N, C-alpha and C. Protein backbone atom coordinates (compact mmCIF):
# COMPACT_ATOMS: atom_id res chain seq x y z
N MET A 1 232.70 -102.85 -2.09
CA MET A 1 233.74 -103.22 -2.01
C MET A 1 233.08 -105.09 -2.34
N ASN A 2 233.39 -105.70 -2.93
CA ASN A 2 233.13 -107.26 -2.71
C ASN A 2 232.95 -107.28 -1.81
N GLY A 3 234.08 -107.73 -1.10
CA GLY A 3 234.12 -108.49 0.18
C GLY A 3 233.50 -107.78 1.33
N ASN A 4 233.39 -108.25 2.33
CA ASN A 4 233.03 -107.85 3.42
C ASN A 4 234.27 -107.60 4.45
N PRO A 5 234.96 -106.77 4.36
CA PRO A 5 236.30 -106.71 5.08
C PRO A 5 235.97 -105.89 6.71
N THR A 6 237.10 -106.24 7.45
CA THR A 6 237.35 -106.00 9.10
C THR A 6 237.10 -104.74 8.92
N ALA A 7 236.55 -103.89 10.17
CA ALA A 7 237.18 -102.35 10.22
C ALA A 7 238.31 -101.65 9.95
N GLU A 8 239.14 -102.53 10.20
CA GLU A 8 241.30 -102.30 9.92
C GLU A 8 240.99 -102.99 8.57
N GLN A 9 241.02 -103.06 7.94
CA GLN A 9 240.87 -103.54 6.18
C GLN A 9 240.39 -102.11 5.62
N LYS A 10 238.60 -101.90 6.31
CA LYS A 10 238.60 -101.00 5.92
C LYS A 10 239.12 -100.08 5.80
N ARG A 11 239.99 -99.54 7.19
CA ARG A 11 240.43 -98.17 6.72
C ARG A 11 241.78 -98.71 6.41
N PHE A 12 242.08 -99.40 5.81
CA PHE A 12 243.58 -99.82 4.74
C PHE A 12 242.98 -99.67 3.46
N HIS A 13 242.30 -99.92 2.83
CA HIS A 13 241.39 -99.67 1.55
C HIS A 13 241.16 -97.83 1.72
N ASN A 14 240.66 -97.16 2.11
CA ASN A 14 240.30 -96.14 2.67
C ASN A 14 241.52 -95.47 2.54
N ASP A 15 242.99 -95.82 3.55
CA ASP A 15 243.60 -94.97 3.54
C ASP A 15 244.94 -95.01 1.67
N LEU A 16 244.47 -96.20 1.41
CA LEU A 16 245.16 -96.65 0.18
C LEU A 16 243.95 -95.76 -0.69
N ARG A 17 243.00 -95.36 -0.72
CA ARG A 17 241.89 -94.76 -1.86
C ARG A 17 242.72 -93.25 -1.42
N GLU A 18 243.11 -92.95 -0.56
CA GLU A 18 243.26 -91.65 0.13
C GLU A 18 244.80 -91.52 -0.87
N MET A 19 246.02 -92.66 -0.50
CA MET A 19 247.44 -91.65 -1.52
C MET A 19 247.06 -91.76 -2.60
N TYR A 20 245.91 -92.66 -3.59
CA TYR A 20 246.02 -92.88 -4.90
C TYR A 20 245.65 -91.36 -5.38
N TYR A 21 244.81 -90.70 -4.46
CA TYR A 21 243.84 -88.98 -4.80
C TYR A 21 245.01 -88.44 -4.77
N GLN A 22 245.88 -88.37 -4.06
CA GLN A 22 246.84 -87.56 -3.27
C GLN A 22 248.13 -87.28 -4.20
N MET A 23 248.31 -88.26 -4.67
CA MET A 23 249.54 -88.74 -5.25
C MET A 23 249.72 -88.47 -6.71
N LEU A 24 248.16 -88.97 -6.97
CA LEU A 24 248.05 -89.47 -8.58
C LEU A 24 247.15 -88.24 -9.05
N GLY A 25 246.29 -88.32 -8.29
CA GLY A 25 244.30 -87.40 -8.45
C GLY A 25 244.10 -88.02 -9.19
N GLY A 26 242.80 -88.09 -8.64
CA GLY A 26 241.57 -88.67 -9.25
C GLY A 26 241.02 -90.40 -8.34
N ARG A 27 240.53 -90.98 -8.91
CA ARG A 27 239.66 -92.28 -8.01
C ARG A 27 240.48 -93.22 -8.89
N GLY A 28 240.97 -93.77 -8.15
CA GLY A 28 241.34 -95.53 -8.69
C GLY A 28 240.02 -97.10 -8.16
N GLU A 29 240.66 -97.72 -8.34
CA GLU A 29 240.36 -99.24 -8.52
C GLU A 29 240.51 -100.33 -7.99
N LEU A 30 240.28 -100.51 -6.93
CA LEU A 30 240.34 -101.66 -5.63
C LEU A 30 240.48 -102.91 -6.49
N HIS A 31 241.35 -103.47 -7.10
CA HIS A 31 241.71 -104.51 -7.09
C HIS A 31 242.32 -105.87 -6.21
N HIS A 32 241.09 -106.46 -5.94
CA HIS A 32 242.02 -107.62 -4.90
C HIS A 32 242.81 -108.97 -5.70
N ILE A 33 243.91 -108.99 -5.62
CA ILE A 33 244.53 -109.55 -6.14
C ILE A 33 244.36 -111.24 -6.65
N PHE A 34 243.73 -112.03 -5.06
CA PHE A 34 243.68 -113.19 -4.88
C PHE A 34 241.48 -113.14 -5.44
N GLY A 35 241.18 -112.34 -4.75
CA GLY A 35 240.01 -111.84 -4.71
C GLY A 35 239.38 -111.77 -3.58
N SER A 36 238.29 -110.95 -2.96
CA SER A 36 238.12 -110.51 -1.64
C SER A 36 237.52 -112.07 -0.30
N LYS A 37 237.47 -112.74 -1.36
CA LYS A 37 236.95 -114.07 -0.65
C LYS A 37 237.45 -114.80 -0.43
N GLU A 38 239.04 -115.20 -0.91
CA GLU A 38 239.89 -115.97 -1.27
C GLU A 38 240.47 -116.19 0.69
N ARG A 39 239.85 -117.88 0.45
CA ARG A 39 240.60 -118.59 1.81
C ARG A 39 241.90 -119.27 1.79
N PHE A 40 243.19 -119.02 2.54
CA PHE A 40 244.71 -119.46 2.69
C PHE A 40 245.30 -120.26 4.04
N LYS A 41 244.46 -121.34 3.69
CA LYS A 41 244.62 -122.04 4.62
C LYS A 41 245.04 -121.57 5.65
N LEU A 42 246.42 -121.82 5.63
CA LEU A 42 248.02 -121.08 7.01
C LEU A 42 247.78 -120.03 7.74
N LEU A 43 247.11 -118.61 6.56
CA LEU A 43 246.67 -117.51 6.59
C LEU A 43 245.30 -117.34 7.87
N LYS A 44 244.44 -118.29 7.78
CA LYS A 44 242.92 -118.49 8.59
C LYS A 44 243.61 -119.59 9.56
N GLU A 45 245.12 -120.11 9.26
CA GLU A 45 245.27 -121.04 10.88
C GLU A 45 245.89 -119.92 11.74
N ALA A 46 247.04 -119.16 11.15
CA ALA A 46 247.35 -118.03 12.11
C ALA A 46 246.44 -117.02 12.55
N PHE A 47 244.96 -117.00 12.36
CA PHE A 47 244.15 -116.79 12.93
C PHE A 47 244.30 -115.00 11.99
N ILE A 48 244.66 -114.66 10.39
CA ILE A 48 244.30 -113.62 10.04
C ILE A 48 242.86 -113.96 9.28
N ASP A 49 242.25 -112.79 9.74
CA ASP A 49 240.58 -112.75 9.27
C ASP A 49 240.51 -112.46 8.07
N LYS A 50 239.88 -112.76 7.35
CA LYS A 50 239.31 -112.50 5.68
C LYS A 50 241.06 -111.71 4.67
N PRO A 51 241.90 -113.03 4.93
CA PRO A 51 243.20 -112.61 3.85
C PRO A 51 242.63 -112.21 2.65
N GLY A 52 242.12 -112.32 1.81
CA GLY A 52 241.84 -111.44 0.55
C GLY A 52 242.07 -110.42 0.41
N GLU A 53 241.16 -109.73 1.65
CA GLU A 53 240.97 -107.98 1.72
C GLU A 53 242.47 -107.56 1.90
N TRP A 54 243.54 -108.42 2.30
CA TRP A 54 244.95 -107.78 2.57
C TRP A 54 245.87 -107.51 1.19
N PHE A 55 245.33 -108.53 0.68
CA PHE A 55 246.11 -108.33 -1.23
C PHE A 55 245.28 -107.27 -1.94
N VAL A 56 245.41 -106.12 -1.86
CA VAL A 56 244.56 -105.08 -2.64
C VAL A 56 245.88 -104.35 -3.46
N VAL A 57 245.61 -103.66 -4.49
CA VAL A 57 246.32 -102.44 -5.15
C VAL A 57 245.34 -102.06 -5.91
N LEU A 58 245.52 -100.64 -5.79
CA LEU A 58 245.13 -99.21 -6.23
C LEU A 58 245.34 -99.24 -7.60
N LEU A 59 244.26 -99.30 -8.84
CA LEU A 59 244.98 -99.97 -10.06
C LEU A 59 243.76 -98.40 -10.69
N THR A 60 244.62 -97.75 -11.84
CA THR A 60 243.93 -96.87 -12.70
C THR A 60 242.62 -97.60 -13.34
N PRO A 61 241.49 -97.06 -13.62
CA PRO A 61 240.58 -97.64 -14.74
C PRO A 61 240.51 -98.73 -15.52
N GLU A 62 241.71 -98.18 -16.40
CA GLU A 62 242.25 -98.82 -17.45
C GLU A 62 242.80 -99.95 -17.03
N ASP A 63 243.62 -99.64 -16.39
CA ASP A 63 244.87 -101.14 -15.54
C ASP A 63 243.55 -101.90 -15.07
N HIS A 64 243.06 -101.73 -14.54
CA HIS A 64 241.71 -102.43 -14.32
C HIS A 64 241.48 -103.25 -14.48
N ARG A 65 240.72 -102.86 -15.57
CA ARG A 65 239.90 -103.20 -17.12
C ARG A 65 240.79 -104.04 -17.87
N ASP A 66 242.08 -103.74 -17.68
CA ASP A 66 243.05 -104.95 -18.69
C ASP A 66 243.71 -105.04 -16.95
N ILE A 67 243.32 -106.10 -16.03
CA ILE A 67 244.29 -106.71 -15.35
C ILE A 67 244.38 -108.18 -16.12
N LYS A 68 243.89 -108.87 -16.27
CA LYS A 68 244.50 -109.83 -17.30
C LYS A 68 245.42 -110.04 -17.90
N LEU A 69 245.99 -108.86 -18.40
CA LEU A 69 246.87 -108.23 -19.07
C LEU A 69 248.85 -108.82 -18.11
N PHE A 70 248.56 -108.15 -16.65
CA PHE A 70 249.52 -108.42 -16.00
C PHE A 70 250.04 -109.83 -15.24
N SER A 71 250.61 -109.83 -15.87
CA SER A 71 251.59 -110.99 -14.56
C SER A 71 251.82 -111.72 -13.56
N PHE A 72 251.65 -112.44 -12.98
CA PHE A 72 251.70 -112.90 -11.11
C PHE A 72 252.78 -111.58 -11.11
N ASP A 73 253.57 -111.67 -11.31
CA ASP A 73 255.56 -111.10 -11.12
C ASP A 73 254.61 -109.64 -10.88
N GLY A 74 253.76 -109.65 -11.82
CA GLY A 74 253.58 -107.54 -12.31
C GLY A 74 253.00 -107.58 -11.19
N GLU A 75 251.73 -108.06 -10.82
CA GLU A 75 250.76 -108.12 -9.49
C GLU A 75 251.49 -107.50 -8.63
N ARG A 76 252.48 -108.52 -8.18
CA ARG A 76 253.53 -108.56 -6.77
C ARG A 76 254.38 -107.08 -7.04
N SER A 77 254.51 -106.72 -7.91
CA SER A 77 255.77 -105.85 -7.82
C SER A 77 254.54 -104.07 -7.72
N LEU A 78 253.28 -104.01 -8.87
CA LEU A 78 252.61 -103.00 -8.24
C LEU A 78 251.99 -103.54 -6.45
N PHE A 79 252.28 -104.33 -5.92
CA PHE A 79 251.42 -104.50 -4.56
C PHE A 79 252.75 -104.05 -3.98
N LEU A 80 254.32 -104.47 -4.10
CA LEU A 80 254.85 -103.96 -3.43
C LEU A 80 255.79 -102.62 -3.44
N LYS A 81 255.42 -101.76 -4.58
CA LYS A 81 255.56 -100.87 -4.32
C LYS A 81 254.70 -100.16 -3.73
N GLN A 82 253.58 -100.04 -3.46
CA GLN A 82 252.59 -99.84 -3.16
C GLN A 82 253.03 -99.46 -1.64
N LYS A 83 253.08 -100.90 -1.25
CA LYS A 83 253.43 -100.87 0.34
C LYS A 83 254.85 -99.89 0.19
N ARG A 84 255.53 -99.67 -0.24
CA ARG A 84 256.93 -98.92 -0.03
C ARG A 84 256.35 -97.30 0.25
N ASP A 85 255.39 -97.04 -0.97
CA ASP A 85 254.79 -96.08 -1.23
C ASP A 85 253.80 -95.38 -0.19
N TYR A 86 253.27 -96.13 0.44
CA TYR A 86 252.46 -96.57 2.01
C TYR A 86 253.29 -96.32 2.96
N GLU A 87 254.07 -96.43 3.27
CA GLU A 87 254.80 -96.34 4.07
C GLU A 87 255.24 -95.03 4.08
N SER A 88 255.81 -94.75 3.13
CA SER A 88 256.31 -93.38 2.53
C SER A 88 255.49 -91.89 2.87
N PHE A 89 254.26 -92.43 2.70
CA PHE A 89 253.43 -91.28 2.50
C PHE A 89 252.84 -90.96 3.75
N PHE A 90 252.72 -91.79 4.14
CA PHE A 90 252.06 -91.65 5.58
C PHE A 90 252.85 -92.34 7.07
N ASP A 91 254.28 -92.72 6.97
CA ASP A 91 254.81 -92.59 7.90
C ASP A 91 254.35 -92.91 8.84
N LYS A 92 253.85 -94.69 8.01
CA LYS A 92 253.86 -95.55 9.40
C LYS A 92 254.07 -96.80 8.00
N PRO A 93 254.15 -98.07 8.97
CA PRO A 93 254.24 -99.35 8.32
C PRO A 93 252.51 -99.85 7.54
N PHE A 94 252.85 -100.74 6.65
CA PHE A 94 251.69 -100.13 6.10
C PHE A 94 251.01 -102.22 7.07
N PRO A 95 250.13 -101.55 7.00
CA PRO A 95 249.54 -102.70 7.86
C PRO A 95 249.03 -104.20 7.43
N VAL A 96 249.01 -104.73 6.26
CA VAL A 96 249.08 -105.81 6.39
C VAL A 96 250.11 -106.87 7.13
N PRO A 97 249.85 -107.65 7.39
CA PRO A 97 250.08 -108.94 8.93
C PRO A 97 251.20 -109.18 8.13
N ASP A 98 252.58 -109.45 9.26
CA ASP A 98 253.78 -110.02 8.68
C ASP A 98 253.53 -110.81 8.49
N ARG A 99 253.22 -112.29 8.49
CA ARG A 99 252.65 -113.26 7.75
C ARG A 99 252.05 -113.25 7.11
N ALA A 100 251.15 -113.24 6.80
CA ALA A 100 250.63 -112.33 5.58
C ALA A 100 251.52 -111.99 4.21
N MET A 101 252.19 -111.06 4.70
CA MET A 101 253.36 -110.66 4.27
C MET A 101 254.31 -112.37 3.64
N ALA A 102 254.90 -112.94 4.48
CA ALA A 102 255.25 -113.35 4.26
C ALA A 102 254.94 -114.01 3.09
N TYR A 103 253.64 -114.88 3.10
CA TYR A 103 253.54 -116.07 2.61
C TYR A 103 252.83 -115.38 0.99
N TYR A 104 252.40 -114.60 0.94
CA TYR A 104 252.68 -114.67 -0.28
C TYR A 104 253.87 -113.58 -0.90
N GLN A 105 254.88 -112.90 -0.49
CA GLN A 105 255.73 -113.30 -1.11
C GLN A 105 256.79 -114.52 -1.19
N ALA A 106 256.34 -115.43 -0.98
CA ALA A 106 257.36 -116.90 -0.86
C ALA A 106 256.38 -117.88 -2.25
N MET A 107 255.06 -117.26 -3.02
CA MET A 107 255.04 -117.64 -3.46
C MET A 107 255.40 -117.67 -4.94
N ASP A 108 255.37 -118.38 -5.53
CA ASP A 108 256.40 -118.50 -7.02
C ASP A 108 255.03 -118.35 -8.11
N TYR A 109 254.06 -118.21 -7.65
CA TYR A 109 252.70 -118.11 -8.51
C TYR A 109 251.28 -118.09 -7.93
N LYS A 110 250.41 -117.27 -8.87
CA LYS A 110 249.14 -117.48 -8.64
C LYS A 110 248.85 -118.00 -7.41
N GLN A 111 248.48 -119.64 -8.23
CA GLN A 111 247.86 -120.39 -7.56
C GLN A 111 248.66 -121.17 -6.52
N HIS A 112 249.90 -121.03 -6.00
CA HIS A 112 250.79 -121.86 -5.36
C HIS A 112 250.26 -121.57 -4.24
N ARG A 113 249.71 -122.96 -3.45
CA ARG A 113 249.63 -122.56 -2.05
C ARG A 113 250.21 -123.54 -1.33
N PHE A 114 250.58 -123.34 0.35
CA PHE A 114 251.09 -123.46 1.23
C PHE A 114 250.55 -124.32 2.44
N ARG A 115 251.00 -125.41 2.26
CA ARG A 115 250.16 -126.74 3.61
C ARG A 115 250.82 -126.24 4.35
N LEU A 116 252.15 -126.63 4.42
CA LEU A 116 252.80 -126.18 6.08
C LEU A 116 253.72 -125.02 6.32
N TRP A 117 253.79 -123.96 7.53
CA TRP A 117 254.51 -123.21 7.98
C TRP A 117 256.00 -122.91 7.11
N GLU A 118 256.56 -124.47 7.22
CA GLU A 118 257.61 -124.61 7.24
C GLU A 118 257.98 -124.00 5.81
N ASP A 119 257.27 -124.19 4.70
CA ASP A 119 257.79 -123.77 3.57
C ASP A 119 257.54 -122.67 3.95
N VAL A 120 257.59 -121.34 4.37
CA VAL A 120 257.46 -120.26 4.34
C VAL A 120 257.63 -119.51 5.56
N LYS A 121 259.20 -118.45 4.39
CA LYS A 121 259.91 -118.09 5.47
C LYS A 121 259.56 -116.99 6.21
N VAL A 122 258.69 -117.00 7.88
CA VAL A 122 257.93 -116.38 8.20
C VAL A 122 259.82 -115.21 9.04
N PRO A 123 259.13 -113.53 8.82
CA PRO A 123 259.72 -112.74 9.84
C PRO A 123 259.69 -113.20 11.33
């Protein structure tokens, strides 16, 4: 891992690896959608530690190598599919904090950053 995830984030990453191995066989590669050290001002203000470590998807080595070919919407689709698969596979809620999920789902493009929580629809 490139960053320094919290213990909870490490468990999440390991769960994703286990799910990938059980469902697809082989080892997937962890891709940080925004980079492991990305700081989102509002998420930090909401006490979400190391938010870049939550926004990850497990990919085949080929897809990871060609990730630049994926659009933002394509990465978001992979992330949301992974959320559904995770909840189904483990029969437990996706561990990404609700505010982080709301922030990500409200983004229109990868460089989109919000200044106020009023701009983000929070559950």
